[in-house]
Amino acid sequence: MSDYSLQPVQVEDFEAMLSLRMDALRESLERLGRFDLQRGRERFQAAFAPEFMRHICCGAERIGFVTLKPAGTSLYLEQLYVKPEQQGQRVGAWVISWVKDRARAARQDVTLSALKLSDANRFYLRHGFKQVAESEFDIDYRWTREVAA
């Protein structure tokens, strides 16, 4: 059994979460030639919605965060970031299981976008997401819940 939990996000958590996000994204953004701290701040500020966000904690330590928003007939996994030093330890798999449980309960699919050239693409494919579109910098995915016959 993991020692992971999801905890509420407060407005005052913005700076710490921005720092974690930029650390997690740095390598992928640099590969695309798109790493820009100011642009990252602006994008995160525009997407910052504490009511849809949860800190990912291991014991008392905040090791990441997830944002899951309603989006019409699906849930949108807008953000899933884990500290680089915590990646590869099944934290993301634990969060994806939580996301899928929420989607099943809501009888909705899950959509998301991942940066091209990011290791996240392999992660989402491994967890049953299917590519549905591609743009200049992102790949869009959908996970379709199982529907009982």
N, C-alpha and C. Protein backbone atom coordinates (compact mmCIF):
# COMPACT_ATOMS: atom_id res chain seq x y z
N MET A 1 0.85 -1.19 0.00
CA MET A 1 0.00 0.00 0.00
C MET A 1 0.89 1.25 0.00
N SER A 2 0.57 2.17 -0.87
CA SER A 2 1.37 3.39 -0.96
C SER A 2 1.03 4.35 0.17
N ASP A 3 1.93 5.26 0.40
CA ASP A 3 1.73 6.30 1.39
C ASP A 3 1.31 7.59 0.68
N TYR A 4 0.70 7.48 -0.51
CA TYR A 4 0.30 8.64 -1.28
C TYR A 4 -1.09 9.11 -0.87
N SER A 5 -1.29 10.41 -0.98
CA SER A 5 -2.61 10.99 -0.74
C SER A 5 -2.74 12.23 -1.62
N LEU A 6 -3.98 12.65 -1.78
CA LEU A 6 -4.28 13.89 -2.50
C LEU A 6 -4.84 14.88 -1.50
N GLN A 7 -4.29 16.08 -1.51
CA GLN A 7 -4.68 17.11 -0.55
C GLN A 7 -5.14 18.36 -1.28
N PRO A 8 -6.04 19.13 -0.66
CA PRO A 8 -6.55 20.35 -1.31
C PRO A 8 -5.46 21.38 -1.59
N VAL A 9 -5.70 22.18 -2.60
CA VAL A 9 -4.80 23.27 -2.99
C VAL A 9 -5.41 24.59 -2.54
N GLN A 10 -4.56 25.49 -2.06
CA GLN A 10 -4.99 26.83 -1.65
C GLN A 10 -4.36 27.85 -2.61
N VAL A 11 -4.95 29.02 -2.69
CA VAL A 11 -4.43 30.08 -3.56
C VAL A 11 -2.97 30.39 -3.24
N GLU A 12 -2.63 30.37 -1.97
CA GLU A 12 -1.26 30.71 -1.55
C GLU A 12 -0.23 29.64 -1.94
N ASP A 13 -0.67 28.52 -2.49
CA ASP A 13 0.25 27.47 -2.94
C ASP A 13 0.81 27.74 -4.34
N PHE A 14 0.36 28.80 -4.99
CA PHE A 14 0.70 29.07 -6.38
C PHE A 14 2.20 29.03 -6.66
N GLU A 15 3.00 29.77 -5.92
CA GLU A 15 4.43 29.88 -6.22
C GLU A 15 5.14 28.53 -6.11
N ALA A 16 4.85 27.79 -5.06
CA ALA A 16 5.49 26.47 -4.89
C ALA A 16 5.07 25.53 -6.01
N MET A 17 3.81 25.61 -6.41
CA MET A 17 3.33 24.74 -7.49
C MET A 17 3.92 25.15 -8.83
N LEU A 18 4.06 26.45 -9.06
CA LEU A 18 4.68 26.93 -10.29
C LEU A 18 6.12 26.41 -10.38
N SER A 19 6.85 26.49 -9.30
CA SER A 19 8.23 26.02 -9.27
C SER A 19 8.30 24.52 -9.60
N LEU A 20 7.43 23.73 -8.98
CA LEU A 20 7.40 22.30 -9.23
C LEU A 20 7.07 22.03 -10.70
N ARG A 21 6.08 22.73 -11.23
CA ARG A 21 5.67 22.56 -12.63
C ARG A 21 6.83 22.85 -13.59
N MET A 22 7.52 23.95 -13.36
CA MET A 22 8.61 24.33 -14.26
C MET A 22 9.78 23.34 -14.16
N ASP A 23 10.05 22.83 -12.96
CA ASP A 23 11.09 21.81 -12.81
C ASP A 23 10.71 20.55 -13.59
N ALA A 24 9.44 20.15 -13.48
CA ALA A 24 8.98 18.94 -14.15
C ALA A 24 8.95 19.10 -15.67
N LEU A 25 8.67 20.31 -16.15
CA LEU A 25 8.55 20.56 -17.60
C LEU A 25 9.86 20.95 -18.28
N ARG A 26 10.83 21.38 -17.51
CA ARG A 26 12.04 21.99 -18.07
C ARG A 26 12.64 21.16 -19.21
N GLU A 27 12.93 19.90 -18.96
CA GLU A 27 13.61 19.08 -19.95
C GLU A 27 12.80 18.96 -21.25
N SER A 28 11.50 18.72 -21.14
CA SER A 28 10.65 18.59 -22.33
C SER A 28 10.56 19.90 -23.09
N LEU A 29 10.40 21.00 -22.37
CA LEU A 29 10.31 22.31 -23.03
C LEU A 29 11.63 22.69 -23.69
N GLU A 30 12.73 22.36 -23.05
CA GLU A 30 14.03 22.66 -23.64
C GLU A 30 14.23 21.87 -24.94
N ARG A 31 13.77 20.61 -24.98
CA ARG A 31 13.86 19.81 -26.20
C ARG A 31 13.11 20.48 -27.36
N LEU A 32 12.00 21.16 -27.04
CA LEU A 32 11.20 21.84 -28.06
C LEU A 32 11.68 23.27 -28.30
N GLY A 33 12.69 23.71 -27.53
CA GLY A 33 13.15 25.09 -27.65
C GLY A 33 12.12 26.08 -27.13
N ARG A 34 11.32 25.66 -26.13
CA ARG A 34 10.20 26.48 -25.63
C ARG A 34 10.28 26.80 -24.15
N PHE A 35 11.42 26.57 -23.50
CA PHE A 35 11.49 26.86 -22.07
C PHE A 35 11.58 28.37 -21.86
N ASP A 36 10.61 28.92 -21.14
CA ASP A 36 10.53 30.36 -20.88
C ASP A 36 9.79 30.52 -19.55
N LEU A 37 10.52 30.96 -18.52
CA LEU A 37 9.91 31.07 -17.19
C LEU A 37 8.73 32.03 -17.16
N GLN A 38 8.82 33.17 -17.84
CA GLN A 38 7.72 34.13 -17.83
C GLN A 38 6.48 33.56 -18.52
N ARG A 39 6.68 32.93 -19.67
CA ARG A 39 5.56 32.32 -20.38
C ARG A 39 4.96 31.19 -19.53
N GLY A 40 5.80 30.42 -18.86
CA GLY A 40 5.33 29.37 -17.99
C GLY A 40 4.48 29.90 -16.85
N ARG A 41 4.92 31.02 -16.27
CA ARG A 41 4.15 31.66 -15.19
C ARG A 41 2.78 32.10 -15.70
N GLU A 42 2.76 32.74 -16.87
CA GLU A 42 1.50 33.23 -17.43
C GLU A 42 0.55 32.08 -17.73
N ARG A 43 1.05 31.01 -18.32
CA ARG A 43 0.21 29.86 -18.65
C ARG A 43 -0.34 29.20 -17.38
N PHE A 44 0.51 29.07 -16.37
CA PHE A 44 0.06 28.45 -15.13
C PHE A 44 -0.95 29.34 -14.42
N GLN A 45 -0.72 30.64 -14.41
CA GLN A 45 -1.67 31.57 -13.79
C GLN A 45 -3.04 31.45 -14.46
N ALA A 46 -3.06 31.35 -15.79
CA ALA A 46 -4.33 31.24 -16.52
C ALA A 46 -5.06 29.93 -16.22
N ALA A 47 -4.32 28.89 -15.88
CA ALA A 47 -4.92 27.58 -15.63
C ALA A 47 -5.10 27.29 -14.14
N PHE A 48 -4.66 28.19 -13.27
CA PHE A 48 -4.68 27.93 -11.83
C PHE A 48 -6.11 27.96 -11.31
N ALA A 49 -6.59 26.80 -10.90
CA ALA A 49 -7.97 26.65 -10.41
C ALA A 49 -7.96 25.70 -9.21
N PRO A 50 -7.66 26.24 -8.01
CA PRO A 50 -7.51 25.38 -6.84
C PRO A 50 -8.67 24.41 -6.60
N GLU A 51 -9.87 24.79 -6.99
CA GLU A 51 -11.02 23.92 -6.74
C GLU A 51 -10.95 22.61 -7.53
N PHE A 52 -10.15 22.55 -8.60
CA PHE A 52 -10.00 21.35 -9.40
C PHE A 52 -8.63 20.69 -9.24
N MET A 53 -7.82 21.24 -8.34
CA MET A 53 -6.44 20.80 -8.18
C MET A 53 -6.25 20.06 -6.86
N ARG A 54 -5.30 19.12 -6.86
CA ARG A 54 -4.93 18.41 -5.64
C ARG A 54 -3.42 18.27 -5.60
N HIS A 55 -2.85 18.48 -4.42
CA HIS A 55 -1.44 18.17 -4.19
C HIS A 55 -1.32 16.66 -4.13
N ILE A 56 -0.27 16.13 -4.72
CA ILE A 56 0.08 14.73 -4.56
C ILE A 56 1.11 14.68 -3.45
N CYS A 57 0.78 13.96 -2.39
CA CYS A 57 1.67 13.91 -1.23
C CYS A 57 2.15 12.48 -0.98
N CYS A 58 3.38 12.39 -0.52
CA CYS A 58 3.94 11.13 -0.03
C CYS A 58 4.25 11.40 1.44
N GLY A 59 3.44 10.83 2.30
CA GLY A 59 3.51 11.21 3.70
C GLY A 59 3.13 12.67 3.81
N ALA A 60 3.98 13.47 4.44
CA ALA A 60 3.71 14.90 4.61
C ALA A 60 4.32 15.74 3.48
N GLU A 61 5.10 15.11 2.58
CA GLU A 61 5.80 15.86 1.54
C GLU A 61 4.95 16.00 0.28
N ARG A 62 4.87 17.22 -0.23
CA ARG A 62 4.20 17.47 -1.50
C ARG A 62 5.17 17.13 -2.63
N ILE A 63 4.80 16.15 -3.44
CA ILE A 63 5.70 15.68 -4.49
C ILE A 63 5.16 15.94 -5.89
N GLY A 64 3.99 16.54 -5.99
CA GLY A 64 3.41 16.83 -7.29
C GLY A 64 2.03 17.40 -7.15
N PHE A 65 1.35 17.55 -8.29
CA PHE A 65 -0.05 17.96 -8.26
C PHE A 65 -0.76 17.52 -9.52
N VAL A 66 -2.07 17.48 -9.41
CA VAL A 66 -2.93 17.07 -10.52
C VAL A 66 -4.09 18.05 -10.61
N THR A 67 -4.50 18.33 -11.86
CA THR A 67 -5.67 19.17 -12.12
C THR A 67 -6.61 18.37 -13.00
N LEU A 68 -7.82 18.13 -12.52
CA LEU A 68 -8.83 17.38 -13.25
C LEU A 68 -10.10 18.23 -13.29
N LYS A 69 -10.46 18.68 -14.50
CA LYS A 69 -11.58 19.60 -14.66
C LYS A 69 -12.69 18.98 -15.50
N PRO A 70 -13.93 19.35 -15.21
CA PRO A 70 -15.01 18.94 -16.11
C PRO A 70 -14.86 19.69 -17.43
N ALA A 71 -15.14 18.98 -18.54
CA ALA A 71 -15.00 19.59 -19.87
C ALA A 71 -16.09 19.02 -20.76
N GLY A 72 -17.28 19.53 -20.62
CA GLY A 72 -18.39 19.02 -21.42
C GLY A 72 -18.73 17.60 -21.03
N THR A 73 -18.60 16.68 -21.97
CA THR A 73 -18.96 15.29 -21.71
C THR A 73 -17.78 14.44 -21.25
N SER A 74 -16.66 15.08 -20.94
CA SER A 74 -15.49 14.33 -20.46
C SER A 74 -14.86 15.08 -19.30
N LEU A 75 -13.85 14.45 -18.72
CA LEU A 75 -13.01 15.10 -17.72
C LEU A 75 -11.70 15.43 -18.41
N TYR A 76 -11.15 16.60 -18.11
CA TYR A 76 -9.91 17.03 -18.73
C TYR A 76 -8.79 16.98 -17.71
N LEU A 77 -7.83 16.10 -17.95
CA LEU A 77 -6.64 16.01 -17.11
C LEU A 77 -5.69 17.10 -17.59
N GLU A 78 -5.86 18.28 -17.02
CA GLU A 78 -5.13 19.45 -17.50
C GLU A 78 -3.67 19.42 -17.09
N GLN A 79 -3.39 18.91 -15.89
CA GLN A 79 -2.02 18.92 -15.39
C GLN A 79 -1.79 17.71 -14.51
N LEU A 80 -0.64 17.09 -14.70
CA LEU A 80 -0.16 16.05 -13.80
C LEU A 80 1.35 16.19 -13.77
N TYR A 81 1.85 16.72 -12.67
CA TYR A 81 3.28 16.95 -12.52
C TYR A 81 3.78 16.29 -11.26
N VAL A 82 4.91 15.64 -11.39
CA VAL A 82 5.58 15.00 -10.26
C VAL A 82 7.02 15.50 -10.25
N LYS A 83 7.53 15.80 -9.07
CA LYS A 83 8.93 16.25 -8.97
C LYS A 83 9.82 15.28 -9.72
N PRO A 84 10.78 15.79 -10.48
CA PRO A 84 11.66 14.91 -11.26
C PRO A 84 12.29 13.78 -10.44
N GLU A 85 12.71 14.07 -9.22
CA GLU A 85 13.36 13.03 -8.41
C GLU A 85 12.38 11.97 -7.91
N GLN A 86 11.08 12.22 -8.03
CA GLN A 86 10.06 11.25 -7.61
C GLN A 86 9.49 10.47 -8.80
N GLN A 87 9.84 10.87 -10.01
CA GLN A 87 9.32 10.19 -11.19
C GLN A 87 9.90 8.79 -11.30
N GLY A 88 9.15 7.90 -11.93
CA GLY A 88 9.59 6.52 -12.09
C GLY A 88 9.34 5.66 -10.86
N GLN A 89 8.57 6.18 -9.90
CA GLN A 89 8.30 5.43 -8.67
C GLN A 89 6.83 5.06 -8.54
N ARG A 90 6.11 5.08 -9.66
CA ARG A 90 4.70 4.69 -9.76
C ARG A 90 3.73 5.70 -9.15
N VAL A 91 4.21 6.90 -8.86
CA VAL A 91 3.33 7.96 -8.37
C VAL A 91 2.31 8.30 -9.44
N GLY A 92 2.76 8.50 -10.67
CA GLY A 92 1.85 8.84 -11.77
C GLY A 92 0.81 7.76 -12.00
N ALA A 93 1.22 6.49 -11.92
CA ALA A 93 0.28 5.38 -12.09
C ALA A 93 -0.80 5.43 -11.01
N TRP A 94 -0.40 5.76 -9.79
CA TRP A 94 -1.36 5.87 -8.69
C TRP A 94 -2.36 6.99 -8.98
N VAL A 95 -1.87 8.13 -9.48
CA VAL A 95 -2.76 9.25 -9.79
C VAL A 95 -3.68 8.90 -10.96
N ILE A 96 -3.15 8.25 -11.99
CA ILE A 96 -3.98 7.87 -13.14
C ILE A 96 -5.09 6.91 -12.70
N SER A 97 -4.81 6.03 -11.79
CA SER A 97 -5.84 5.14 -11.25
C SER A 97 -6.95 5.96 -10.59
N TRP A 98 -6.58 6.97 -9.82
CA TRP A 98 -7.55 7.86 -9.18
C TRP A 98 -8.38 8.60 -10.24
N VAL A 99 -7.70 9.12 -11.27
CA VAL A 99 -8.39 9.84 -12.35
C VAL A 99 -9.41 8.92 -13.02
N LYS A 100 -9.00 7.71 -13.35
CA LYS A 100 -9.91 6.77 -14.02
C LYS A 100 -11.08 6.41 -13.13
N ASP A 101 -10.85 6.25 -11.83
CA ASP A 101 -11.94 5.97 -10.90
C ASP A 101 -12.96 7.12 -10.90
N ARG A 102 -12.46 8.35 -10.91
CA ARG A 102 -13.35 9.51 -10.95
C ARG A 102 -14.15 9.53 -12.25
N ALA A 103 -13.48 9.21 -13.36
CA ALA A 103 -14.15 9.20 -14.66
C ALA A 103 -15.23 8.12 -14.72
N ARG A 104 -14.91 6.95 -14.22
CA ARG A 104 -15.92 5.87 -14.20
C ARG A 104 -17.13 6.29 -13.37
N ALA A 105 -16.88 6.87 -12.20
CA ALA A 105 -17.97 7.30 -11.33
C ALA A 105 -18.84 8.36 -12.00
N ALA A 106 -18.21 9.22 -12.79
CA ALA A 106 -18.94 10.29 -13.49
C ALA A 106 -19.47 9.83 -14.85
N ARG A 107 -19.14 8.59 -15.22
CA ARG A 107 -19.51 8.03 -16.53
C ARG A 107 -19.02 8.92 -17.67
N GLN A 108 -17.74 9.28 -17.56
CA GLN A 108 -17.12 10.15 -18.56
C GLN A 108 -15.76 9.60 -18.97
N ASP A 109 -15.31 10.01 -20.15
CA ASP A 109 -13.97 9.70 -20.61
C ASP A 109 -13.02 10.76 -20.07
N VAL A 110 -11.73 10.56 -20.29
CA VAL A 110 -10.71 11.52 -19.86
C VAL A 110 -9.93 11.96 -21.09
N THR A 111 -9.74 13.27 -21.23
CA THR A 111 -8.92 13.82 -22.30
C THR A 111 -7.74 14.56 -21.69
N LEU A 112 -6.67 14.71 -22.48
CA LEU A 112 -5.50 15.45 -22.03
C LEU A 112 -4.64 15.79 -23.22
N SER A 113 -3.70 16.69 -23.01
CA SER A 113 -2.68 17.03 -24.00
C SER A 113 -1.32 16.89 -23.34
N ALA A 114 -0.35 16.38 -24.10
CA ALA A 114 1.02 16.24 -23.61
C ALA A 114 1.96 16.87 -24.62
N LEU A 115 3.02 17.47 -24.13
CA LEU A 115 4.02 18.07 -25.02
C LEU A 115 4.66 17.02 -25.91
N LYS A 116 4.82 17.36 -27.17
CA LYS A 116 5.59 16.48 -28.05
C LYS A 116 6.99 16.32 -27.47
N LEU A 117 7.60 15.21 -27.71
CA LEU A 117 8.95 14.89 -27.26
C LEU A 117 9.06 14.70 -25.75
N SER A 118 7.92 14.69 -25.05
CA SER A 118 7.93 14.48 -23.60
C SER A 118 7.83 12.99 -23.29
N ASP A 119 8.50 12.58 -22.23
CA ASP A 119 8.37 11.20 -21.77
C ASP A 119 6.94 10.88 -21.34
N ALA A 120 6.15 11.91 -21.07
CA ALA A 120 4.76 11.72 -20.66
C ALA A 120 3.96 10.98 -21.73
N ASN A 121 4.33 11.13 -23.00
CA ASN A 121 3.58 10.46 -24.06
C ASN A 121 3.62 8.94 -23.89
N ARG A 122 4.78 8.39 -23.62
CA ARG A 122 4.88 6.94 -23.39
C ARG A 122 4.08 6.54 -22.15
N PHE A 123 4.13 7.36 -21.14
CA PHE A 123 3.39 7.10 -19.90
C PHE A 123 1.89 6.98 -20.19
N TYR A 124 1.33 7.96 -20.89
CA TYR A 124 -0.12 7.94 -21.15
C TYR A 124 -0.51 6.78 -22.06
N LEU A 125 0.29 6.48 -23.05
CA LEU A 125 0.00 5.32 -23.91
C LEU A 125 0.02 4.03 -23.11
N ARG A 126 0.98 3.89 -22.20
CA ARG A 126 1.05 2.70 -21.33
C ARG A 126 -0.19 2.55 -20.47
N HIS A 127 -0.83 3.65 -20.14
CA HIS A 127 -1.99 3.63 -19.25
C HIS A 127 -3.31 3.68 -20.00
N GLY A 128 -3.28 3.30 -21.28
CA GLY A 128 -4.52 3.10 -22.02
C GLY A 128 -5.08 4.31 -22.73
N PHE A 129 -4.35 5.41 -22.76
CA PHE A 129 -4.81 6.58 -23.50
C PHE A 129 -4.48 6.38 -24.98
N LYS A 130 -5.35 6.85 -25.85
CA LYS A 130 -5.14 6.75 -27.29
C LYS A 130 -4.97 8.15 -27.87
N GLN A 131 -4.01 8.28 -28.78
CA GLN A 131 -3.80 9.57 -29.44
C GLN A 131 -4.99 9.85 -30.34
N VAL A 132 -5.51 11.10 -30.24
CA VAL A 132 -6.66 11.49 -31.06
C VAL A 132 -6.36 12.69 -31.95
N ALA A 133 -5.31 13.43 -31.66
CA ALA A 133 -4.97 14.61 -32.46
C ALA A 133 -3.54 15.02 -32.15
N GLU A 134 -3.03 15.92 -32.99
CA GLU A 134 -1.67 16.42 -32.82
C GLU A 134 -1.63 17.85 -33.34
N SER A 135 -0.94 18.71 -32.61
CA SER A 135 -0.76 20.10 -33.05
C SER A 135 0.74 20.40 -33.08
N GLU A 136 1.09 21.64 -33.26
CA GLU A 136 2.50 22.00 -33.41
C GLU A 136 3.36 21.54 -32.23
N PHE A 137 2.83 21.70 -31.00
CA PHE A 137 3.63 21.39 -29.81
C PHE A 137 3.06 20.28 -28.94
N ASP A 138 1.82 19.87 -29.18
CA ASP A 138 1.15 18.93 -28.28
C ASP A 138 0.59 17.71 -29.02
N ILE A 139 0.37 16.66 -28.24
CA ILE A 139 -0.36 15.48 -28.70
C ILE A 139 -1.56 15.34 -27.76
N ASP A 140 -2.74 15.18 -28.35
CA ASP A 140 -3.98 15.03 -27.58
C ASP A 140 -4.34 13.56 -27.44
N TYR A 141 -4.83 13.21 -26.25
CA TYR A 141 -5.17 11.83 -25.93
C TYR A 141 -6.57 11.75 -25.34
N ARG A 142 -7.12 10.54 -25.44
CA ARG A 142 -8.41 10.24 -24.81
C ARG A 142 -8.33 8.84 -24.21
N TRP A 143 -8.85 8.73 -23.00
CA TRP A 143 -9.07 7.44 -22.37
C TRP A 143 -10.57 7.23 -22.32
N THR A 144 -11.00 6.10 -22.86
CA THR A 144 -12.42 5.81 -22.92
C THR A 144 -12.75 4.76 -21.87
N ARG A 145 -13.67 5.12 -21.01
CA ARG A 145 -14.05 4.19 -19.93
C ARG A 145 -14.73 2.97 -20.53
N GLU A 146 -14.62 1.89 -19.83
CA GLU A 146 -15.29 0.68 -20.26
C GLU A 146 -16.79 0.84 -20.01
N VAL A 147 -17.59 0.47 -20.97
CA VAL A 147 -19.04 0.56 -20.82
C VAL A 147 -19.59 -0.84 -20.74
N ALA A 148 -20.28 -1.14 -19.64
CA ALA A 148 -20.85 -2.47 -19.46
C ALA A 148 -21.94 -2.71 -20.51
N ALA A 149 -21.94 -3.90 -21.06
CA ALA A 149 -22.92 -4.24 -22.11
C ALA A 149 -24.29 -4.47 -21.54
